[in-house]
Amino acid sequence: RLALAAKTQTEAERRPVFEALLGAGRGWPETDLRITAINANTG
């Protein structure tokens, strides 16, 4: 709720940072890679 109400960059403005870090077209590796995140509405 804090995050959804905050005034920040837009998603579109933020995404290029990670496209540059990872490569815009980079897919998932063969390694079992697990990335965690939290649902902003349900927690």
PDB file of all heavy atoms in Angstrom:
ATOM      1  N   ARG A   1       0.832  -1.206   0.000  1.00  0.00           N
ATOM      2  CA  ARG A   1       0.000   0.000   0.000  1.00  0.00           C
ATOM      3  C   ARG A   1       0.868   1.259   0.000  1.00  0.00           C
ATOM      4  O   ARG A   1       0.556   2.239  -0.684  1.00  0.00           O
ATOM      5  CB  ARG A   1      -0.935  -0.005   1.208  1.00  0.00           C
ATOM      6  CG  ARG A   1      -2.072  -1.014   1.087  1.00  0.00           C
ATOM      7  CD  ARG A   1      -3.174  -0.749   2.096  1.00  0.00           C
ATOM      8  NE  ARG A   1      -2.770  -1.057   3.450  1.00  0.00           N
ATOM      9  CZ  ARG A   1      -2.873  -2.256   4.019  1.00  0.00           C
ATOM     10  NH1 ARG A   1      -3.348  -3.282   3.314  1.00  0.00           N
ATOM     11  NH2 ARG A   1      -2.518  -2.439   5.271  1.00  0.00           N
ATOM     12  N   LEU A   2       1.953   1.203   0.761  1.00  0.00           N
ATOM     13  CA  LEU A   2       2.893   2.331   0.761  1.00  0.00           C
ATOM     14  C   LEU A   2       3.455   2.550  -0.641  1.00  0.00           C
ATOM     15  O   LEU A   2       3.509   3.674  -1.142  1.00  0.00           O
ATOM     16  CB  LEU A   2       4.023   2.061   1.761  1.00  0.00           C
ATOM     17  CG  LEU A   2       5.067   3.151   2.004  1.00  0.00           C
ATOM     18  CD1 LEU A   2       5.743   2.945   3.371  1.00  0.00           C
ATOM     19  CD2 LEU A   2       6.146   3.189   0.929  1.00  0.00           C
ATOM     20  N   ALA A   3       3.862   1.456  -1.268  1.00  0.00           N
ATOM     21  CA  ALA A   3       4.476   1.540  -2.596  1.00  0.00           C
ATOM     22  C   ALA A   3       3.497   2.033  -3.649  1.00  0.00           C
ATOM     23  O   ALA A   3       3.841   2.854  -4.511  1.00  0.00           O
ATOM     24  CB  ALA A   3       5.032   0.170  -2.997  1.00  0.00           C
ATOM     25  N   LEU A   4       2.268   1.552  -3.605  1.00  0.00           N
ATOM     26  CA  LEU A   4       1.270   1.926  -4.609  1.00  0.00           C
ATOM     27  C   LEU A   4       0.874   3.395  -4.497  1.00  0.00           C
ATOM     28  O   LEU A   4       0.488   4.021  -5.487  1.00  0.00           O
ATOM     29  CB  LEU A   4       0.032   1.040  -4.464  1.00  0.00           C
ATOM     30  CG  LEU A   4       0.227  -0.433  -4.870  1.00  0.00           C
ATOM     31  CD1 LEU A   4      -0.953  -1.271  -4.399  1.00  0.00           C
ATOM     32  CD2 LEU A   4       0.421  -0.575  -6.364  1.00  0.00           C
ATOM     33  N   ALA A   5       0.977   3.952  -3.295  1.00  0.00           N
ATOM     34  CA  ALA A   5       0.593   5.342  -3.084  1.00  0.00           C
ATOM     35  C   ALA A   5       1.729   6.331  -3.320  1.00  0.00           C
ATOM     36  O   ALA A   5       1.494   7.536  -3.452  1.00  0.00           O
ATOM     37  CB  ALA A   5       0.068   5.522  -1.661  1.00  0.00           C
ATOM     38  N   ALA A   6       2.974   5.826  -3.380  1.00  0.00           N
ATOM     39  CA  ALA A   6       4.143   6.705  -3.478  1.00  0.00           C
ATOM     40  C   ALA A   6       4.283   7.300  -4.884  1.00  0.00           C
ATOM     41  O   ALA A   6       3.908   6.688  -5.887  1.00  0.00           O
ATOM     42  CB  ALA A   6       5.403   5.934  -3.120  1.00  0.00           C
ATOM     43  N   LYS A   7       4.832   8.509  -4.919  1.00  0.00           N
ATOM     44  CA  LYS A   7       5.135   9.165  -6.190  1.00  0.00           C
ATOM     45  C   LYS A   7       6.565   8.817  -6.578  1.00  0.00           C
ATOM     46  O   LYS A   7       7.524   9.235  -5.919  1.00  0.00           O
ATOM     47  CB  LYS A   7       4.957  10.675  -6.063  1.00  0.00           C
ATOM     48  CG  LYS A   7       3.520  11.108  -5.828  1.00  0.00           C
ATOM     49  CD  LYS A   7       3.390  12.624  -5.749  1.00  0.00           C
ATOM     50  CE  LYS A   7       1.947  13.042  -5.530  1.00  0.00           C
ATOM     51  NZ  LYS A   7       1.804  14.520  -5.443  1.00  0.00           N
ATOM     52  N   THR A   8       6.713   8.044  -7.619  1.00  0.00           N
ATOM     53  CA  THR A   8       8.032   7.592  -8.074  1.00  0.00           C
ATOM     54  C   THR A   8       8.095   7.694  -9.598  1.00  0.00           C
ATOM     55  O   THR A   8       7.161   8.169 -10.240  1.00  0.00           O
ATOM     56  CB  THR A   8       8.284   6.126  -7.670  1.00  0.00           C
ATOM     57  OG1 THR A   8       7.346   5.284  -8.378  1.00  0.00           O
ATOM     58  CG2 THR A   8       8.115   5.912  -6.163  1.00  0.00           C
ATOM     59  N   GLN A   9       9.200   7.203 -10.150  1.00  0.00           N
ATOM     60  CA  GLN A   9       9.249   7.022 -11.597  1.00  0.00           C
ATOM     61  C   GLN A   9       8.132   6.079 -12.020  1.00  0.00           C
ATOM     62  O   GLN A   9       7.589   5.320 -11.209  1.00  0.00           O
ATOM     63  CB  GLN A   9      10.579   6.379 -11.997  1.00  0.00           C
ATOM     64  CG  GLN A   9      11.785   7.265 -11.964  1.00  0.00           C
ATOM     65  CD  GLN A   9      13.010   6.499 -12.425  1.00  0.00           C
ATOM     66  OE1 GLN A   9      13.281   5.397 -11.955  1.00  0.00           O
ATOM     67  NE2 GLN A   9      13.767   7.079 -13.337  1.00  0.00           N
ATOM     68  N   THR A  10       7.825   6.070 -13.292  1.00  0.00           N
ATOM     69  CA  THR A  10       6.900   5.079 -13.823  1.00  0.00           C
ATOM     70  C   THR A  10       7.659   3.787 -14.103  1.00  0.00           C
ATOM     71  O   THR A  10       8.890   3.763 -14.155  1.00  0.00           O
ATOM     72  CB  THR A  10       6.256   5.568 -15.123  1.00  0.00           C
ATOM     73  OG1 THR A  10       7.284   5.676 -16.139  1.00  0.00           O
ATOM     74  CG2 THR A  10       5.571   6.914 -14.934  1.00  0.00           C
ATOM     75  N   GLU A  11       6.912   2.720 -14.298  1.00  0.00           N
ATOM     76  CA  GLU A  11       7.535   1.440 -14.664  1.00  0.00           C
ATOM     77  C   GLU A  11       8.315   1.577 -15.971  1.00  0.00           C
ATOM     78  O   GLU A  11       9.414   1.028 -16.113  1.00  0.00           O
ATOM     79  CB  GLU A  11       6.478   0.361 -14.810  1.00  0.00           C
ATOM     80  CG  GLU A  11       5.793  -0.043 -13.534  1.00  0.00           C
ATOM     81  CD  GLU A  11       4.782  -1.143 -13.775  1.00  0.00           C
ATOM     82  OE1 GLU A  11       5.172  -2.238 -14.233  1.00  0.00           O
ATOM     83  OE2 GLU A  11       3.585  -0.906 -13.520  1.00  0.00           O
ATOM     84  N   ALA A  12       7.732   2.287 -16.915  1.00  0.00           N
ATOM     85  CA  ALA A  12       8.374   2.452 -18.224  1.00  0.00           C
ATOM     86  C   ALA A  12       9.701   3.195 -18.102  1.00  0.00           C
ATOM     87  O   ALA A  12      10.646   2.930 -18.852  1.00  0.00           O
ATOM     88  CB  ALA A  12       7.440   3.192 -19.170  1.00  0.00           C
ATOM     89  N   GLU A  13       9.777   4.141 -17.171  1.00  0.00           N
ATOM     90  CA  GLU A  13      11.028   4.890 -16.971  1.00  0.00           C
ATOM     91  C   GLU A  13      12.068   4.050 -16.253  1.00  0.00           C
ATOM     92  O   GLU A  13      13.264   4.225 -16.475  1.00  0.00           O
ATOM     93  CB  GLU A  13      10.730   6.155 -16.157  1.00  0.00           C
ATOM     94  CG  GLU A  13       9.932   7.206 -16.926  1.00  0.00           C
ATOM     95  CD  GLU A  13       9.437   8.330 -16.039  1.00  0.00           C
ATOM     96  OE1 GLU A  13       9.234   8.095 -14.825  1.00  0.00           O
ATOM     97  OE2 GLU A  13       9.256   9.448 -16.562  1.00  0.00           O
ATOM     98  N   ARG A  14      11.632   3.145 -15.406  1.00  0.00           N
ATOM     99  CA  ARG A  14      12.552   2.331 -14.605  1.00  0.00           C
ATOM    100  C   ARG A  14      13.097   1.125 -15.377  1.00  0.00           C
ATOM    101  O   ARG A  14      14.256   0.742 -15.212  1.00  0.00           O
ATOM    102  CB  ARG A  14      11.823   1.846 -13.350  1.00  0.00           C
ATOM    103  CG  ARG A  14      12.644   0.980 -12.395  1.00  0.00           C
ATOM    104  CD  ARG A  14      13.737   1.740 -11.741  1.00  0.00           C
ATOM    105  NE  ARG A  14      14.431   0.927 -10.737  1.00  0.00           N
ATOM    106  CZ  ARG A  14      15.679   1.120 -10.357  1.00  0.00           C
ATOM    107  NH1 ARG A  14      16.392   2.104 -10.883  1.00  0.00           N
ATOM    108  NH2 ARG A  14      16.236   0.361  -9.452  1.00  0.00           N
ATOM    109  N   ARG A  15      12.302   0.536 -16.240  1.00  0.00           N
ATOM    110  CA  ARG A  15      12.657  -0.720 -16.881  1.00  0.00           C
ATOM    111  C   ARG A  15      13.965  -0.687 -17.684  1.00  0.00           C
ATOM    112  O   ARG A  15      14.732  -1.663 -17.657  1.00  0.00           O
ATOM    113  CB  ARG A  15      11.510  -1.191 -17.782  1.00  0.00           C
ATOM    114  CG  ARG A  15      11.585  -2.669 -18.149  1.00  0.00           C
ATOM    115  CD  ARG A  15      10.356  -3.095 -18.947  1.00  0.00           C
ATOM    116  NE  ARG A  15      10.235  -4.534 -19.010  1.00  0.00           N
ATOM    117  CZ  ARG A  15      10.864  -5.309 -19.884  1.00  0.00           C
ATOM    118  NH1 ARG A  15      11.670  -4.754 -20.767  1.00  0.00           N
ATOM    119  NH2 ARG A  15      10.709  -6.614 -19.875  1.00  0.00           N
ATOM    120  N   PRO A  16      14.273   0.402 -18.412  1.00  0.00           N
ATOM    121  CA  PRO A  16      15.511   0.410 -19.199  1.00  0.00           C
ATOM    122  C   PRO A  16      16.783   0.176 -18.384  1.00  0.00           C
ATOM    123  O   PRO A  16      17.784  -0.311 -18.911  1.00  0.00           O
ATOM    124  CB  PRO A  16      15.510   1.808 -19.829  1.00  0.00           C
ATOM    125  CG  PRO A  16      14.073   2.170 -19.932  1.00  0.00           C
ATOM    126  CD  PRO A  16      13.448   1.599 -18.694  1.00  0.00           C
ATOM    127  N   VAL A  17      16.752   0.506 -17.101  1.00  0.00           N
ATOM    128  CA  VAL A  17      17.917   0.260 -16.237  1.00  0.00           C
ATOM    129  C   VAL A  17      18.240  -1.230 -16.233  1.00  0.00           C
ATOM    130  O   VAL A  17      19.401  -1.642 -16.357  1.00  0.00           O
ATOM    131  CB  VAL A  17      17.649   0.752 -14.799  1.00  0.00           C
ATOM    132  CG1 VAL A  17      18.784   0.338 -13.864  1.00  0.00           C
ATOM    133  CG2 VAL A  17      17.458   2.257 -14.781  1.00  0.00           C
ATOM    134  N   PHE A  18      17.217  -2.055 -16.136  1.00  0.00           N
ATOM    135  CA  PHE A  18      17.421  -3.497 -16.043  1.00  0.00           C
ATOM    136  C   PHE A  18      17.618  -4.134 -17.414  1.00  0.00           C
ATOM    137  O   PHE A  18      18.278  -5.163 -17.532  1.00  0.00           O
ATOM    138  CB  PHE A  18      16.255  -4.128 -15.278  1.00  0.00           C
ATOM    139  CG  PHE A  18      16.221  -3.683 -13.851  1.00  0.00           C
ATOM    140  CD1 PHE A  18      15.468  -2.590 -13.470  1.00  0.00           C
ATOM    141  CD2 PHE A  18      17.003  -4.314 -12.901  1.00  0.00           C
ATOM    142  CE1 PHE A  18      15.474  -2.144 -12.166  1.00  0.00           C
ATOM    143  CE2 PHE A  18      17.009  -3.878 -11.593  1.00  0.00           C
ATOM    144  CZ  PHE A  18      16.255  -2.791 -11.215  1.00  0.00           C
ATOM    145  N   GLU A  19      17.060  -3.516 -18.425  1.00  0.00           N
ATOM    146  CA  GLU A  19      17.350  -3.989 -19.785  1.00  0.00           C
ATOM    147  C   GLU A  19      18.827  -3.805 -20.092  1.00  0.00           C
ATOM    148  O   GLU A  19      19.451  -4.642 -20.754  1.00  0.00           O
ATOM    149  CB  GLU A  19      16.490  -3.233 -20.800  1.00  0.00           C
ATOM    150  CG  GLU A  19      15.012  -3.572 -20.700  1.00  0.00           C
ATOM    151  CD  GLU A  19      14.167  -2.772 -21.672  1.00  0.00           C
ATOM    152  OE1 GLU A  19      14.651  -1.718 -22.154  1.00  0.00           O
ATOM    153  OE2 GLU A  19      13.027  -3.181 -21.945  1.00  0.00           O
ATOM    154  N   ALA A  20      19.406  -2.707 -19.595  1.00  0.00           N
ATOM    155  CA  ALA A  20      20.833  -2.453 -19.805  1.00  0.00           C
ATOM    156  C   ALA A  20      21.683  -3.423 -18.990  1.00  0.00           C
ATOM    157  O   ALA A  20      22.717  -3.920 -19.462  1.00  0.00           O
ATOM    158  CB  ALA A  20      21.169  -1.015 -19.425  1.00  0.00           C
ATOM    159  N   LEU A  21      21.255  -3.720 -17.766  1.00  0.00           N
ATOM    160  CA  LEU A  21      22.012  -4.625 -16.898  1.00  0.00           C
ATOM    161  C   LEU A  21      21.964  -6.066 -17.386  1.00  0.00           C
ATOM    162  O   LEU A  21      22.980  -6.775 -17.347  1.00  0.00           O
ATOM    163  CB  LEU A  21      21.453  -4.568 -15.477  1.00  0.00           C
ATOM    164  CG  LEU A  21      21.812  -3.360 -14.613  1.00  0.00           C
ATOM    165  CD1 LEU A  21      21.006  -3.391 -13.326  1.00  0.00           C
ATOM    166  CD2 LEU A  21      23.306  -3.349 -14.303  1.00  0.00           C
ATOM    167  N   LEU A  22      20.796  -6.491 -17.841  1.00  0.00           N
ATOM    168  CA  LEU A  22      20.597  -7.903 -18.162  1.00  0.00           C
ATOM    169  C   LEU A  22      20.557  -8.193 -19.657  1.00  0.00           C
ATOM    170  O   LEU A  22      20.761  -9.328 -20.070  1.00  0.00           O
ATOM    171  CB  LEU A  22      19.283  -8.393 -17.539  1.00  0.00           C
ATOM    172  CG  LEU A  22      19.145  -8.223 -16.022  1.00  0.00           C
ATOM    173  CD1 LEU A  22      17.764  -8.680 -15.572  1.00  0.00           C
ATOM    174  CD2 LEU A  22      20.222  -8.994 -15.292  1.00  0.00           C
ATOM    175  N   GLY A  23      20.298  -7.156 -20.451  1.00  0.00           N
ATOM    176  CA  GLY A  23      20.077  -7.372 -21.874  1.00  0.00           C
ATOM    177  C   GLY A  23      18.578  -7.436 -22.112  1.00  0.00           C
ATOM    178  O   GLY A  23      17.878  -8.261 -21.504  1.00  0.00           O
ATOM    179  N   ALA A  24      18.060  -6.585 -22.967  1.00  0.00           N
ATOM    180  CA  ALA A  24      16.615  -6.456 -23.168  1.00  0.00           C
ATOM    181  C   ALA A  24      15.971  -7.780 -23.561  1.00  0.00           C
ATOM    182  O   ALA A  24      14.844  -8.071 -23.168  1.00  0.00           O
ATOM    183  CB  ALA A  24      16.327  -5.390 -24.218  1.00  0.00           C
ATOM    184  N   GLY A  25      16.677  -8.592 -24.327  1.00  0.00           N
ATOM    185  CA  GLY A  25      16.082  -9.835 -24.806  1.00  0.00           C
ATOM    186  C   GLY A  25      16.546 -11.071 -24.065  1.00  0.00           C
ATOM    187  O   GLY A  25      16.239 -12.193 -24.491  1.00  0.00           O
ATOM    188  N   ARG A  26      17.248 -10.898 -22.947  1.00  0.00           N
ATOM    189  CA  ARG A  26      17.795 -12.070 -22.256  1.00  0.00           C
ATOM    190  C   ARG A  26      16.676 -12.897 -21.627  1.00  0.00           C
ATOM    191  O   ARG A  26      15.828 -12.397 -20.901  1.00  0.00           O
ATOM    192  CB  ARG A  26      18.785 -11.664 -21.165  1.00  0.00           C
ATOM    193  CG  ARG A  26      19.341 -12.874 -20.399  1.00  0.00           C
ATOM    194  CD  ARG A  26      20.324 -12.493 -19.312  1.00  0.00           C
ATOM    195  NE  ARG A  26      21.587 -12.052 -19.864  1.00  0.00           N
ATOM    196  CZ  ARG A  26      22.676 -11.820 -19.114  1.00  0.00           C
ATOM    197  NH1 ARG A  26      22.639 -11.990 -17.808  1.00  0.00           N
ATOM    198  NH2 ARG A  26      23.796 -11.423 -19.680  1.00  0.00           N
ATOM    199  N   GLY A  27      16.699 -14.196 -21.934  1.00  0.00           N
ATOM    200  CA  GLY A  27      15.718 -15.099 -21.349  1.00  0.00           C
ATOM    201  C   GLY A  27      16.262 -15.743 -20.079  1.00  0.00           C
ATOM    202  O   GLY A  27      17.363 -15.440 -19.623  1.00  0.00           O
ATOM    203  N   TRP A  28      15.452 -16.620 -19.533  1.00  0.00           N
ATOM    204  CA  TRP A  28      15.868 -17.311 -18.317  1.00  0.00           C
ATOM    205  C   TRP A  28      16.996 -18.291 -18.622  1.00  0.00           C
ATOM    206  O   TRP A  28      16.989 -18.950 -19.659  1.00  0.00           O
ATOM    207  CB  TRP A  28      14.694 -18.062 -17.709  1.00  0.00           C
ATOM    208  CG  TRP A  28      13.675 -17.154 -17.092  1.00  0.00           C
ATOM    209  CD1 TRP A  28      12.649 -16.526 -17.727  1.00  0.00           C
ATOM    210  CD2 TRP A  28      13.605 -16.754 -15.713  1.00  0.00           C
ATOM    211  NE1 TRP A  28      11.927 -15.755 -16.844  1.00  0.00           N
ATOM    212  CE2 TRP A  28      12.491 -15.877 -15.594  1.00  0.00           C
ATOM    213  CE3 TRP A  28      14.370 -17.049 -14.586  1.00  0.00           C
ATOM    214  CZ2 TRP A  28      12.126 -15.307 -14.381  1.00  0.00           C
ATOM    215  CZ3 TRP A  28      13.999 -16.480 -13.377  1.00  0.00           C
ATOM    216  CH2 TRP A  28      12.899 -15.614 -13.277  1.00  0.00           C
ATOM    217  N   PRO A  29      17.969 -18.407 -17.726  1.00  0.00           N
ATOM    218  CA  PRO A  29      19.087 -19.335 -17.956  1.00  0.00           C
ATOM    219  C   PRO A  29      18.681 -20.777 -17.696  1.00  0.00           C
ATOM    220  O   PRO A  29      17.601 -21.048 -17.145  1.00  0.00           O
ATOM    221  CB  PRO A  29      20.124 -18.873 -16.921  1.00  0.00           C
ATOM    222  CG  PRO A  29      19.288 -18.353 -15.793  1.00  0.00           C
ATOM    223  CD  PRO A  29      18.108 -17.673 -16.461  1.00  0.00           C
ATOM    224  N   GLU A  30      19.539 -21.700 -18.059  1.00  0.00           N
ATOM    225  CA  GLU A  30      19.283 -23.112 -17.790  1.00  0.00           C
ATOM    226  C   GLU A  30      19.369 -23.416 -16.297  1.00  0.00           C
ATOM    227  O   GLU A  30      18.700 -24.305 -15.784  1.00  0.00           O
ATOM    228  CB  GLU A  30      20.273 -23.985 -18.569  1.00  0.00           C
ATOM    229  CG  GLU A  30      20.022 -24.011 -20.058  1.00  0.00           C
ATOM    230  CD  GLU A  30      18.615 -24.493 -20.396  1.00  0.00           C
ATOM    231  OE1 GLU A  30      18.202 -25.536 -19.844  1.00  0.00           O
ATOM    232  OE2 GLU A  30      17.936 -23.819 -21.183  1.00  0.00           O
ATOM    233  N   THR A  31      20.223 -22.677 -15.601  1.00  0.00           N
ATOM    234  CA  THR A  31      20.329 -22.833 -14.153  1.00  0.00           C
ATOM    235  C   THR A  31      18.971 -22.630 -13.499  1.00  0.00           C
ATOM    236  O   THR A  31      18.166 -21.812 -13.955  1.00  0.00           O
ATOM    237  CB  THR A  31      21.318 -21.790 -13.583  1.00  0.00           C
ATOM    238  OG1 THR A  31      22.595 -21.998 -14.162  1.00  0.00           O
ATOM    239  CG2 THR A  31      21.431 -21.899 -12.066  1.00  0.00           C
ATOM    240  N   ASP A  32      18.698 -23.374 -12.436  1.00  0.00           N
ATOM    241  CA  ASP A  32      17.472 -23.192 -11.666  1.00  0.00           C
ATOM    242  C   ASP A  32      17.600 -21.873 -10.900  1.00  0.00           C
ATOM    243  O   ASP A  32      18.188 -21.807  -9.830  1.00  0.00           O
ATOM    244  CB  ASP A  32      17.293 -24.364 -10.690  1.00  0.00           C
ATOM    245  CG  ASP A  32      15.967 -24.293  -9.926  1.00  0.00           C
ATOM    246  OD1 ASP A  32      15.232 -23.307 -10.095  1.00  0.00           O
ATOM    247  OD2 ASP A  32      15.694 -25.232  -9.147  1.00  0.00           O
ATOM    248  N   LEU A  33      17.062 -20.821 -11.490  1.00  0.00           N
ATOM    249  CA  LEU A  33      17.130 -19.475 -10.920  1.00  0.00           C
ATOM    250  C   LEU A  33      15.760 -19.080 -10.410  1.00  0.00           C
ATOM    251  O   LEU A  33      14.774 -19.124 -11.148  1.00  0.00           O
ATOM    252  CB  LEU A  33      17.590 -18.475 -11.991  1.00  0.00           C
ATOM    253  CG  LEU A  33      17.539 -16.989 -11.624  1.00  0.00           C
ATOM    254  CD1 LEU A  33      18.471 -16.673 -10.456  1.00  0.00           C
ATOM    255  CD2 LEU A  33      17.886 -16.131 -12.841  1.00  0.00           C
ATOM    256  N   ARG A  34      15.710 -18.659  -9.139  1.00  0.00           N
ATOM    257  CA  ARG A  34      14.441 -18.265  -8.531  1.00  0.00           C
ATOM    258  C   ARG A  34      14.555 -16.839  -8.008  1.00  0.00           C
ATOM    259  O   ARG A  34      15.455 -16.523  -7.236  1.00  0.00           O
ATOM    260  CB  ARG A  34      14.071 -19.227  -7.395  1.00  0.00           C
ATOM    261  CG  ARG A  34      13.995 -20.678  -7.869  1.00  0.00           C
ATOM    262  CD  ARG A  34      13.705 -21.662  -6.758  1.00  0.00           C
ATOM    263  NE  ARG A  34      13.956 -23.033  -7.187  1.00  0.00           N
ATOM    264  CZ  ARG A  34      13.791 -24.110  -6.409  1.00  0.00           C
ATOM    265  NH1 ARG A  34      13.368 -23.959  -5.166  1.00  0.00           N
ATOM    266  NH2 ARG A  34      14.067 -25.310  -6.889  1.00  0.00           N
ATOM    267  N   ILE A  35      13.637 -15.996  -8.454  1.00  0.00           N
ATOM    268  CA  ILE A  35      13.632 -14.580  -8.120  1.00  0.00           C
ATOM    269  C   ILE A  35      12.390 -14.280  -7.291  1.00  0.00           C
ATOM    270  O   ILE A  35      11.272 -14.614  -7.696  1.00  0.00           O
ATOM    271  CB  ILE A  35      13.616 -13.714  -9.400  1.00  0.00           C
ATOM    272  CG1 ILE A  35      14.817 -14.042 -10.305  1.00  0.00           C
ATOM    273  CG2 ILE A  35      13.577 -12.238  -9.044  1.00  0.00           C
ATOM    274  CD1 ILE A  35      16.154 -13.734  -9.698  1.00  0.00           C
ATOM    275  N   THR A  36      12.572 -13.623  -6.146  1.00  0.00           N
ATOM    276  CA  THR A  36      11.449 -13.384  -5.242  1.00  0.00           C
ATOM    277  C   THR A  36      10.881 -11.972  -5.379  1.00  0.00           C
ATOM    278  O   THR A  36      11.607 -11.015  -5.624  1.00  0.00           O
ATOM    279  CB  THR A  36      11.872 -13.593  -3.781  1.00  0.00           C
ATOM    280  OG1 THR A  36      12.836 -12.594  -3.415  1.00  0.00           O
ATOM    281  CG2 THR A  36      12.480 -14.972  -3.578  1.00  0.00           C
ATOM    282  N   ALA A  37       9.580 -11.870  -5.196  1.00  0.00           N
ATOM    283  CA  ALA A  37       8.885 -10.578  -5.163  1.00  0.00           C
ATOM    284  C   ALA A  37       7.639 -10.744  -4.306  1.00  0.00           C
ATOM    285  O   ALA A  37       7.229 -11.866  -3.989  1.00  0.00           O
ATOM    286  CB  ALA A  37       8.535 -10.111  -6.570  1.00  0.00           C
ATOM    287  N   ILE A  38       7.043  -9.622  -3.930  1.00  0.00           N
ATOM    288  CA  ILE A  38       5.864  -9.638  -3.068  1.00  0.00           C
ATOM    289  C   ILE A  38       4.696  -8.991  -3.792  1.00  0.00           C
ATOM    290  O   ILE A  38       4.837  -7.895  -4.361  1.00  0.00           O
ATOM    291  CB  ILE A  38       6.127  -8.873  -1.752  1.00  0.00           C
ATOM    292  CG1 ILE A  38       7.381  -9.398  -1.049  1.00  0.00           C
ATOM    293  CG2 ILE A  38       4.908  -8.938  -0.836  1.00  0.00           C
ATOM    294  CD1 ILE A  38       7.335 -10.852  -0.657  1.00  0.00           C
ATOM    295  N   ASN A  39       3.550  -9.639  -3.779  1.00  0.00           N
ATOM    296  CA  ASN A  39       2.347  -9.067  -4.379  1.00  0.00           C
ATOM    297  C   ASN A  39       1.936  -7.831  -3.592  1.00  0.00           C
ATOM    298  O   ASN A  39       1.691  -7.906  -2.385  1.00  0.00           O
ATOM    299  CB  ASN A  39       1.217 -10.105  -4.376  1.00  0.00           C
ATOM    300  CG  ASN A  39      -0.002  -9.654  -5.145  1.00  0.00           C
ATOM    301  OD1 ASN A  39      -0.599  -8.627  -4.840  1.00  0.00           O
ATOM    302  ND2 ASN A  39      -0.387 -10.436  -6.146  1.00  0.00           N
ATOM    303  N   ALA A  40       1.873  -6.697  -4.253  1.00  0.00           N
ATOM    304  CA  ALA A  40       1.623  -5.429  -3.571  1.00  0.00           C
ATOM    305  C   ALA A  40       0.216  -5.333  -2.990  1.00  0.00           C
ATOM    306  O   ALA A  40      -0.024  -4.552  -2.069  1.00  0.00           O
ATOM    307  CB  ALA A  40       1.863  -4.260  -4.531  1.00  0.00           C
ATOM    308  N   ASN A  41      -0.718  -6.117  -3.503  1.00  0.00           N
ATOM    309  CA  ASN A  41      -2.099  -6.055  -3.017  1.00  0.00           C
ATOM    310  C   ASN A  41      -2.385  -7.099  -1.938  1.00  0.00           C
ATOM    311  O   ASN A  41      -3.016  -6.788  -0.926  1.00  0.00           O
ATOM    312  CB  ASN A  41      -3.072  -6.233  -4.180  1.00  0.00           C
ATOM    313  CG  ASN A  41      -3.060  -5.043  -5.121  1.00  0.00           C
ATOM    314  OD1 ASN A  41      -3.396  -3.929  -4.732  1.00  0.00           O
ATOM    315  ND2 ASN A  41      -2.664  -5.259  -6.372  1.00  0.00           N
ATOM    316  N   THR A  42      -1.894  -8.299  -2.123  1.00  0.00           N
ATOM    317  CA  THR A  42      -2.187  -9.372  -1.166  1.00  0.00           C
ATOM    318  C   THR A  42      -1.086  -9.565  -0.132  1.00  0.00           C
ATOM    319  O   THR A  42      -1.327 -10.163   0.919  1.00  0.00           O
ATOM    320  CB  THR A  42      -2.394 -10.706  -1.890  1.00  0.00           C
ATOM    321  OG1 THR A  42      -1.138 -11.141  -2.461  1.00  0.00           O
ATOM    322  CG2 THR A  42      -3.433 -10.576  -3.002  1.00  0.00           C
ATOM    323  N   GLY A  43       0.119  -9.109  -0.437  1.00  0.00           N
ATOM    324  CA  GLY A  43       1.250  -9.322   0.457  1.00  0.00           C
ATOM    325  C   GLY A  43       1.881 -10.693   0.335  1.00  0.00           C
ATOM    326  O   GLY A  43       2.817 -11.021   1.070  1.00  0.00           O
TER     327      GLY A  43
END
